[in-house]
Amino acid sequence: AKAITLAKGAQDQEDRSAVCTAFRISEDGLVKEEIADPPFFSIDVECIATGYGSCASGINDGCGNEGKNGADVPEGMYNERSHRYPGRVAMVDSDGNVLADIIIRPPQDGKGIVSYLTALTGLTEEICLGADAKSLEEAVQTIKGLLPKDGVLVGQAIDHDVEWLGLTPGTDFARMVDIS
């Protein structure tokens, strides 16, 4: 019991400034300014399956990845080896307020989808093709509009969520903290 108390005390004394410090980078990338009290957010992306393999880096719409030619789509966002496509994205602020909860309509009315992974995602064909579903582009624009440039994204394996949405650290938000 004493060892646990000592360990907890030592953890409380650790310098966590590297985790809690955010920076604003100028548009030319030359000036790095520390942000004293950055806003924190979390996003979570639930993906649906476009094949029977893994969720390799990037996304795949199962329909030839037509979206990769869209405006503002980062290189590498789409990947033929990936077998996942975003089906839902949610965003909350540091107080737990839900800022967005968006169902994403798969391209070509789900033609390339092999499973909605319902047991894991709660998504179904009816939900993803429903009247309230938005395109991936609309969902990404909504998230970008809500996420301030000095925002810090916190989450478990947050780099996957960021990649699946095509967000860019230092451009769309300040930085991310992975808690996994």
Protein backbone atom coordinates (compact mmCIF):
# COMPACT_ATOMS: atom_id res chain seq x y z
CA ALA A 1 0.00 0.00 0.00
CA LYS A 2 2.85 2.36 0.82
CA ALA A 3 4.45 1.69 -2.59
CA ILE A 4 1.21 2.62 -4.36
CA THR A 5 0.94 5.84 -2.36
CA LEU A 6 4.55 6.74 -3.19
CA ALA A 7 4.02 5.94 -6.89
CA LYS A 8 0.89 8.09 -7.05
CA GLY A 9 2.72 10.92 -5.32
CA ALA A 10 5.59 10.67 -7.83
CA GLN A 11 3.13 10.72 -10.75
CA ASP A 12 1.53 13.87 -9.37
CA GLN A 13 4.95 15.56 -9.41
CA GLU A 14 5.72 14.62 -13.05
CA ASP A 15 6.17 17.39 -15.58
CA ARG A 16 3.27 17.04 -17.99
CA SER A 17 3.87 20.26 -19.89
CA ALA A 18 4.77 18.36 -23.08
CA VAL A 19 1.34 16.74 -23.02
CA CYS A 20 -0.62 19.83 -22.01
CA THR A 21 1.17 22.47 -24.05
CA ALA A 22 -0.26 23.48 -27.39
CA PHE A 23 1.23 25.71 -30.02
CA ARG A 24 -0.18 27.97 -32.71
CA ILE A 25 1.90 27.79 -35.88
CA SER A 26 1.87 30.68 -38.35
CA GLU A 27 0.54 30.06 -41.86
CA ASP A 28 4.07 30.13 -43.26
CA GLY A 29 5.13 27.58 -40.62
CA LEU A 30 7.96 29.77 -39.31
CA VAL A 31 6.52 31.09 -36.04
CA LYS A 32 5.54 28.77 -33.17
CA GLU A 33 3.58 30.50 -30.39
CA GLU A 34 2.62 28.69 -27.17
CA ILE A 35 -1.10 28.71 -26.35
CA ALA A 36 -1.56 29.14 -22.61
CA ASP A 37 -4.99 27.53 -22.19
CA PRO A 38 -5.93 25.64 -25.37
CA PRO A 39 -9.44 24.28 -25.87
CA PHE A 40 -9.69 20.48 -25.70
CA PHE A 41 -11.97 18.29 -27.82
CA SER A 42 -12.44 14.65 -28.62
CA ILE A 43 -13.66 13.02 -31.82
CA ASP A 44 -14.56 9.42 -32.47
CA VAL A 45 -15.06 7.82 -35.87
CA GLU A 46 -16.95 4.56 -36.28
CA CYS A 47 -16.04 2.79 -39.50
CA ILE A 48 -17.98 0.37 -41.66
CA ALA A 49 -16.37 -2.44 -43.67
CA THR A 50 -15.67 -2.24 -47.40
CA GLY A 51 -13.81 -5.55 -47.46
CA TYR A 52 -12.74 -8.43 -45.29
CA GLY A 53 -9.24 -7.22 -44.37
CA SER A 54 -7.89 -4.85 -41.78
CA CYS A 55 -8.21 -1.13 -41.37
CA ALA A 56 -4.83 -0.34 -42.91
CA SER A 57 -3.79 3.28 -43.06
CA GLY A 58 -6.37 5.44 -44.83
CA ILE A 59 -9.91 4.70 -45.99
CA ASN A 60 -11.49 2.84 -48.90
CA ASP A 61 -15.04 3.48 -50.10
CA GLY A 62 -15.31 0.11 -51.84
CA CYS A 63 -16.34 1.89 -55.05
CA GLY A 64 -13.01 2.80 -56.62
CA ASN A 65 -12.15 5.58 -54.14
CA GLU A 66 -13.70 8.31 -56.27
CA GLY A 67 -13.53 10.67 -53.28
CA LYS A 68 -9.75 10.85 -53.46
CA ASN A 69 -10.09 13.36 -56.31
CA GLY A 70 -12.14 15.79 -54.23
CA ALA A 71 -11.02 19.25 -53.24
CA ASP A 72 -8.89 19.47 -50.08
CA VAL A 73 -8.45 15.69 -49.83
CA PRO A 74 -4.99 15.01 -48.36
CA GLU A 75 -2.75 12.60 -50.21
CA GLY A 76 -2.86 9.19 -48.58
CA MET A 77 -6.35 9.62 -47.12
CA TYR A 78 -7.62 6.94 -49.50
CA ASN A 79 -5.82 3.61 -49.67
CA GLU A 80 -6.71 0.55 -51.75
CA ARG A 81 -5.40 -1.75 -48.97
CA SER A 82 -7.74 -0.34 -46.34
CA HIS A 83 -11.10 -2.02 -45.83
CA ARG A 84 -12.84 0.67 -43.80
CA TYR A 85 -14.89 3.79 -44.48
CA PRO A 86 -16.21 6.28 -41.90
CA GLY A 87 -19.85 5.64 -40.98
CA ARG A 88 -20.27 8.05 -38.10
CA VAL A 89 -18.28 10.84 -36.45
CA ALA A 90 -18.98 12.45 -33.09
CA MET A 91 -17.25 15.41 -31.45
CA VAL A 92 -17.43 16.60 -27.85
CA ASP A 93 -15.84 19.50 -25.99
CA SER A 94 -13.94 19.30 -22.69
CA ASP A 95 -17.20 19.60 -20.73
CA GLY A 96 -18.70 16.59 -22.52
CA ASN A 97 -21.11 18.65 -24.63
CA VAL A 98 -21.90 16.91 -27.91
CA LEU A 99 -20.98 19.33 -30.68
CA ALA A 100 -21.59 16.95 -33.57
CA ASP A 101 -22.94 13.45 -34.13
CA ILE A 102 -23.01 12.84 -37.86
CA ILE A 103 -24.03 9.73 -39.76
CA ILE A 104 -21.98 9.42 -42.94
CA ARG A 105 -23.65 8.14 -46.09
CA PRO A 106 -21.44 5.66 -47.96
CA PRO A 107 -20.83 6.47 -51.65
CA GLN A 108 -23.14 5.02 -54.29
CA ASP A 109 -25.79 4.24 -51.66
CA GLY A 110 -23.59 1.67 -49.94
CA LYS A 111 -22.70 -0.36 -53.02
CA GLY A 112 -19.15 -1.02 -51.72
CA ILE A 113 -20.13 -1.90 -48.15
CA VAL A 114 -19.80 -5.55 -47.07
CA SER A 115 -20.77 -4.98 -43.42
CA TYR A 116 -21.97 -2.13 -41.26
CA LEU A 117 -20.29 -3.87 -38.31
CA THR A 118 -23.52 -3.27 -36.38
CA ALA A 119 -22.45 -5.13 -33.23
CA LEU A 120 -19.44 -2.80 -32.91
CA THR A 121 -20.74 0.46 -34.38
CA GLY A 122 -24.50 0.42 -33.84
CA LEU A 123 -24.80 1.38 -37.51
CA THR A 124 -27.12 -0.30 -39.99
CA GLU A 125 -27.84 0.12 -43.67
CA GLU A 126 -31.06 1.95 -42.78
CA ILE A 127 -29.21 4.42 -40.55
CA CYS A 128 -26.34 5.07 -43.00
CA LEU A 129 -28.67 5.52 -45.97
CA GLY A 130 -31.28 7.49 -44.01
CA ALA A 131 -32.44 10.99 -44.82
CA ASP A 132 -30.22 12.55 -42.11
CA ALA A 133 -26.98 10.95 -43.38
CA LYS A 134 -24.38 13.35 -44.77
CA SER A 135 -21.58 12.83 -47.26
CA LEU A 136 -18.06 12.36 -45.89
CA GLU A 137 -17.15 15.76 -47.31
CA GLU A 138 -20.05 17.44 -45.47
CA ALA A 139 -19.12 15.68 -42.22
CA VAL A 140 -15.47 16.72 -42.49
CA GLN A 141 -16.41 20.33 -43.23
CA THR A 142 -18.70 20.37 -40.18
CA ILE A 143 -15.92 19.03 -37.92
CA LYS A 144 -13.39 21.50 -39.37
CA GLY A 145 -15.87 24.32 -38.78
CA LEU A 146 -16.31 23.36 -35.12
CA LEU A 147 -12.65 22.65 -34.38
CA PRO A 148 -10.59 25.78 -33.68
CA LYS A 149 -7.08 26.02 -35.09
CA ASP A 150 -5.68 26.10 -31.55
CA GLY A 151 -7.75 23.10 -30.44
CA VAL A 152 -6.20 19.98 -28.94
CA LEU A 153 -7.76 16.63 -29.86
CA VAL A 154 -7.67 13.96 -27.17
CA GLY A 155 -8.65 10.34 -27.69
CA GLN A 156 -7.78 6.69 -27.88
CA ALA A 157 -5.82 6.00 -31.08
CA ILE A 158 -6.85 9.52 -32.12
CA ASP A 159 -4.42 9.41 -35.03
CA HIS A 160 -6.75 6.93 -36.79
CA ASP A 161 -9.75 9.24 -36.40
CA VAL A 162 -7.73 12.20 -37.64
CA GLU A 163 -6.48 10.21 -40.64
CA TRP A 164 -9.92 8.81 -41.53
CA LEU A 165 -11.30 12.36 -41.65
CA GLY A 166 -8.31 13.75 -43.51
CA LEU A 167 -7.56 16.31 -40.78
CA THR A 168 -4.08 17.81 -40.55
CA PRO A 169 -2.38 18.63 -37.23
CA GLY A 170 -1.01 22.17 -37.24
CA THR A 171 -3.51 23.18 -39.91
CA ASP A 172 -6.97 22.01 -38.86
CA PHE A 173 -6.10 21.92 -35.14
CA ALA A 174 -3.01 22.48 -32.97
CA ARG A 175 -2.13 18.96 -31.81
CA MET A 176 -3.44 15.63 -30.58
CA VAL A 177 -2.94 13.59 -27.44
CA ASP A 178 -3.34 9.81 -27.63
CA ILE A 179 -4.51 8.33 -24.32
CA SER A 180 -4.37 4.65 -25.36
